[in-house]
C-alpha cells in the first residue's frame, strides 16, 4: 500500500466525521444550516469514497477527486451552538436540545 491511500483514507474519514457531527447537531437543535451542511457532507463523502477507490490505480486523479470533495464539504455559515463549551464537547457535537 502506498502513502497515497493513507492520505485518501484520512480525507474520507475526516469528511465522514464532520458529516456525522453535523447530523448530530441538526438532530438536537433543528437548525437548518447544519442540515444543509450534513447534506453537503454526504455528497462530498460519496465523492471522496470514489476518489479513495481510484487512488491505488492512479494517485493523481484519485487525490484530485478527494480534494474536490474536501472543497465541496467546505465550511458554510453556521450558527454558534457551542457558546463557551470545552473542546471535547465541540469535537463530539454535544449541544443543548431544542424542541
Protein backbone atom coordinates (compact mmCIF):
# COMPACT_ATOMS: atom_id res chain seq x y z
CA UNK A 1 0.00 0.00 0.00
CA UNK A 2 1.25 3.43 -0.82
CA UNK A 3 1.14 6.55 1.29
CA UNK A 4 -1.44 7.99 -1.13
CA UNK A 5 -4.05 5.53 0.02
CA UNK A 6 -3.50 6.56 3.64
CA UNK A 7 -3.87 10.22 2.67
CA UNK A 8 -7.10 9.45 0.79
CA UNK A 9 -8.45 7.42 3.72
CA UNK A 10 -7.70 10.26 6.15
CA UNK A 11 -9.52 12.74 3.90
CA UNK A 12 -12.53 10.43 3.58
CA UNK A 13 -12.70 9.78 7.33
CA UNK A 14 -12.46 13.48 8.16
CA UNK A 15 -15.36 14.28 5.81
CA UNK A 16 -17.47 11.48 7.29
CA UNK A 17 -16.65 12.60 10.85
CA UNK A 18 -17.72 16.19 10.15
CA UNK A 19 -20.87 14.97 8.39
CA UNK A 20 -21.90 12.77 11.32
CA UNK A 21 -21.21 15.66 13.69
CA UNK A 22 -23.46 17.98 11.63
CA UNK A 23 -26.18 15.32 11.61
CA UNK A 24 -25.99 15.04 15.39
CA UNK A 25 -26.14 18.80 15.89
CA UNK A 26 -29.08 19.13 13.48
CA UNK A 27 -30.92 16.30 15.23
CA UNK A 28 -30.53 18.03 18.58
CA UNK A 29 -31.09 21.68 17.57
CA UNK A 30 -33.12 21.59 14.31
CA UNK A 31 -31.02 24.46 12.89
CA UNK A 32 -31.31 24.38 9.09
CA UNK A 33 -27.69 25.31 8.34
CA UNK A 34 -26.49 22.10 10.00
CA UNK A 35 -28.93 20.09 7.87
CA UNK A 36 -27.54 21.74 4.75
CA UNK A 37 -24.00 21.01 5.95
CA UNK A 38 -24.88 17.36 6.55
CA UNK A 39 -26.36 17.01 3.06
CA UNK A 40 -23.27 18.60 1.50
CA UNK A 41 -21.17 16.25 3.60
CA UNK A 42 -22.97 13.20 2.24
CA UNK A 43 -22.34 14.31 -1.34
CA UNK A 44 -18.71 15.07 -0.51
CA UNK A 45 -18.34 11.74 1.29
CA UNK A 46 -19.58 9.86 -1.77
CA UNK A 47 -17.15 11.74 -3.98
CA UNK A 48 -14.32 11.12 -1.51
CA UNK A 49 -15.11 7.41 -1.47
CA UNK A 50 -14.89 7.35 -5.27
CA UNK A 51 -11.57 9.21 -5.10
CA UNK A 52 -10.27 6.79 -2.48
CA UNK A 53 -11.21 3.88 -4.75
CA UNK A 54 -9.35 5.39 -7.69
CA UNK A 55 -6.25 6.33 -5.70
CA UNK A 56 -4.50 2.91 -5.77
CA UNK A 57 -4.74 2.79 -9.58
CA UNK A 58 -3.98 6.44 -10.32
CA UNK A 59 -3.00 8.56 -7.29
CA UNK A 60 -3.09 11.89 -9.12
CA UNK A 61 -6.68 11.53 -10.28
CA UNK A 62 -7.86 9.92 -7.04
CA UNK A 63 -6.37 12.62 -4.82
CA UNK A 64 -7.68 15.34 -7.13
CA UNK A 65 -11.20 13.93 -6.75
CA UNK A 66 -10.66 13.82 -2.99
CA UNK A 67 -9.52 17.46 -3.00
CA UNK A 68 -12.69 18.44 -4.87
CA UNK A 69 -14.73 16.55 -2.26
CA UNK A 70 -13.00 18.40 0.57
CA UNK A 71 -13.69 21.69 -1.23
CA UNK A 72 -17.39 20.79 -1.58
CA UNK A 73 -17.52 19.94 2.13
CA UNK A 74 -16.05 23.36 3.00
CA UNK A 75 -17.31 25.32 5.98
CA UNK A 76 -20.54 27.15 5.36
CA UNK A 77 -22.30 29.69 7.52
CA UNK A 78 -23.33 28.10 10.81
CA UNK A 79 -24.90 29.44 13.98
CA UNK A 80 -22.84 29.28 17.15
CA UNK A 81 -24.43 26.46 19.13
CA UNK A 82 -21.50 25.76 21.42
CA UNK A 83 -21.10 29.17 23.11
CA UNK A 84 -18.30 28.52 25.65
CA UNK A 85 -18.26 24.70 25.58
CA UNK A 86 -14.97 22.89 26.15
CA UNK A 87 -13.05 21.28 23.29
CA UNK A 88 -14.29 17.73 23.91
CA UNK A 89 -17.94 18.80 23.68
CA UNK A 90 -17.21 20.68 20.45
CA UNK A 91 -15.46 17.66 18.94
CA UNK A 92 -18.31 15.34 19.82
CA UNK A 93 -21.01 17.82 18.75
CA UNK A 94 -22.73 17.93 22.14
CA UNK A 95 -25.27 20.74 22.29
CA UNK A 96 -28.36 21.60 24.24
CA UNK A 97 -31.52 20.08 22.81
CA UNK A 98 -34.17 22.29 21.22
CA UNK A 99 -37.73 21.20 20.62
